Amino acid sequence: MQHYTFADSDIPQAYGAYSHAVEAGGFVFVSGQIARDRASGTLIDGDVAAQTRRSLEIVQRILGELGLGLGDVVRATVYLADIGDFAAMNAVYSSVMPAPYPARSTPQVSLPFGARVGIEVTAYRGR
């Protein structure tokens, strides 16, 4: 098992006791990412669409550091602070995530720092 934490690039530093990603048995588990700015570490300004785009960008950069891409994602969980934002989130998600889409669930939860969306994924190297 390998743990990855990135301190460069456009990936915001971890703000808690977690790794950006953990790899085990060909699977890469990317921790939930909210739409934080790399330089300040604060949540970006913007609606759920902007936050979805930024969260996916961070996930994509983490995967890229490991030689993977969004096409390698087999499972995603998109956490929404307000399930009423589903359509706006899904419009961005479906324009960024390549088809065929991974399995996904989208629960409504409380997110840190007032985030409207958080995204975690599992990717597979054998795809």
Protein backbone atom coordinates (compact mmCIF):
# COMPACT_ATOMS: atom_id res chain seq x y z
CA MET A 1 0.00 0.00 0.00
CA GLN A 2 1.28 3.46 -0.93
CA HIS A 3 0.18 6.82 0.51
CA TYR A 4 0.53 10.06 -1.48
CA THR A 5 0.47 13.65 -0.29
CA PHE A 6 1.34 16.46 -2.70
CA ALA A 7 2.77 19.81 -1.69
CA ASP A 8 3.33 21.32 -5.12
CA SER A 9 1.46 21.82 -8.36
CA ASP A 10 -2.10 23.12 -8.13
CA ILE A 11 -3.16 20.67 -5.44
CA PRO A 12 -4.16 22.34 -2.15
CA GLN A 13 -2.31 20.95 0.87
CA ALA A 14 -4.19 18.51 3.07
CA TYR A 15 -5.76 20.41 5.98
CA GLY A 16 -6.32 17.38 8.17
CA ALA A 17 -4.93 13.96 8.99
CA TYR A 18 -5.32 12.35 5.57
CA SER A 19 -3.41 11.49 2.41
CA HIS A 20 -4.47 12.96 -0.92
CA ALA A 21 -4.56 9.40 -2.26
CA VAL A 22 -3.84 5.83 -1.22
CA GLU A 23 -3.03 3.05 -3.66
CA ALA A 24 -3.73 -0.60 -2.89
CA GLY A 25 -4.16 -3.59 -5.18
CA GLY A 26 -4.27 -1.52 -8.37
CA PHE A 27 -6.92 0.82 -6.98
CA VAL A 28 -6.25 4.47 -6.18
CA PHE A 29 -8.53 6.05 -3.59
CA VAL A 30 -8.57 9.85 -3.83
CA SER A 31 -9.73 11.68 -0.70
CA GLY A 32 -12.69 14.03 -0.96
CA GLN A 33 -11.76 17.36 -2.50
CA ILE A 34 -13.59 20.64 -2.11
CA ALA A 35 -12.99 23.68 -4.31
CA ARG A 36 -10.04 25.22 -2.50
CA ASP A 37 -7.55 27.67 -3.93
CA ARG A 38 -4.00 26.30 -4.00
CA ALA A 39 -2.26 29.46 -2.81
CA SER A 40 -4.56 30.51 0.02
CA GLY A 41 -6.13 27.16 0.88
CA THR A 42 -9.50 28.88 1.14
CA LEU A 43 -12.69 27.94 -0.65
CA ILE A 44 -13.01 29.60 -4.06
CA ASP A 45 -15.77 32.09 -4.74
CA GLY A 46 -18.54 30.79 -6.93
CA ASP A 47 -21.68 28.76 -7.22
CA VAL A 48 -21.97 24.98 -7.20
CA ALA A 49 -21.00 24.80 -10.89
CA ALA A 50 -17.72 26.66 -10.28
CA GLN A 51 -17.02 24.59 -7.18
CA THR A 52 -17.75 21.34 -9.04
CA ARG A 53 -15.36 22.33 -11.83
CA ARG A 54 -12.60 23.22 -9.34
CA SER A 55 -13.11 20.04 -7.28
CA LEU A 56 -12.85 17.91 -10.42
CA GLU A 57 -9.76 19.85 -11.50
CA ILE A 58 -8.06 19.02 -8.19
CA VAL A 59 -9.07 15.35 -8.46
CA GLN A 60 -7.74 15.28 -12.03
CA ARG A 61 -4.42 16.79 -10.93
CA ILE A 62 -4.03 14.24 -8.12
CA LEU A 63 -4.71 11.42 -10.56
CA GLY A 64 -2.32 13.00 -13.07
CA GLU A 65 0.49 13.00 -10.50
CA LEU A 66 -0.02 9.22 -10.33
CA GLY A 67 -0.12 8.68 -14.09
CA LEU A 68 -3.90 8.32 -14.20
CA GLY A 69 -6.80 10.38 -15.51
CA LEU A 70 -10.53 10.79 -15.11
CA GLY A 71 -11.03 7.95 -17.61
CA ASP A 72 -9.54 5.60 -15.02
CA VAL A 73 -12.18 6.46 -12.42
CA VAL A 74 -14.46 3.51 -11.63
CA ARG A 75 -16.38 5.02 -8.70
CA ALA A 76 -17.21 8.58 -7.61
CA THR A 77 -19.04 10.08 -4.69
CA VAL A 78 -20.23 13.65 -5.11
CA TYR A 79 -21.28 15.21 -1.81
CA LEU A 80 -23.72 18.10 -2.06
CA ALA A 81 -24.54 20.54 0.73
CA ASP A 82 -27.95 21.06 -0.95
CA ILE A 83 -29.43 18.30 -3.10
CA GLY A 84 -31.27 21.09 -4.92
CA ASP A 85 -27.91 21.81 -6.62
CA PHE A 86 -27.91 18.37 -8.28
CA ALA A 87 -28.80 19.56 -11.80
CA ALA A 88 -26.16 22.33 -11.83
CA MET A 89 -23.50 19.97 -10.45
CA ASN A 90 -24.45 17.21 -12.87
CA ALA A 91 -24.22 19.53 -15.89
CA VAL A 92 -20.58 20.31 -15.06
CA TYR A 93 -19.75 16.76 -13.94
CA SER A 94 -21.09 15.23 -17.17
CA SER A 95 -19.15 17.74 -19.28
CA VAL A 96 -15.84 17.01 -17.52
CA MET A 97 -16.04 13.31 -16.61
CA PRO A 98 -15.55 11.17 -19.73
CA ALA A 99 -18.10 8.54 -20.77
CA PRO A 100 -18.69 5.80 -20.02
CA TYR A 101 -19.31 7.35 -16.64
CA PRO A 102 -18.15 5.66 -13.44
CA ALA A 103 -20.55 4.36 -10.81
CA ARG A 104 -21.63 7.30 -8.65
CA SER A 105 -23.65 8.26 -5.62
CA THR A 106 -24.63 11.79 -4.60
CA PRO A 107 -25.71 12.22 -0.98
CA GLN A 108 -26.60 15.49 0.72
CA VAL A 109 -24.19 16.20 3.59
CA SER A 110 -22.67 18.98 5.64
CA LEU A 111 -19.33 20.03 4.10
CA PRO A 112 -16.42 21.94 5.66
CA PHE A 113 -15.73 25.65 5.14
CA GLY A 114 -19.17 26.27 3.62
CA ALA A 115 -18.39 24.22 0.50
CA ARG A 116 -21.34 23.38 -1.73
CA VAL A 117 -19.74 20.25 -3.24
CA GLY A 118 -17.02 17.73 -2.44
CA ILE A 119 -15.83 14.92 -4.70
CA GLU A 120 -13.95 11.69 -3.97
CA VAL A 121 -13.08 9.00 -6.48
CA THR A 122 -11.64 5.53 -6.84
CA ALA A 123 -9.54 4.86 -9.93
CA TYR A 124 -8.16 1.58 -11.26
CA ARG A 125 -4.79 1.13 -12.95
CA GLY A 126 -5.84 -1.97 -14.90
CA ARG A 127 -8.47 -0.23 -17.01
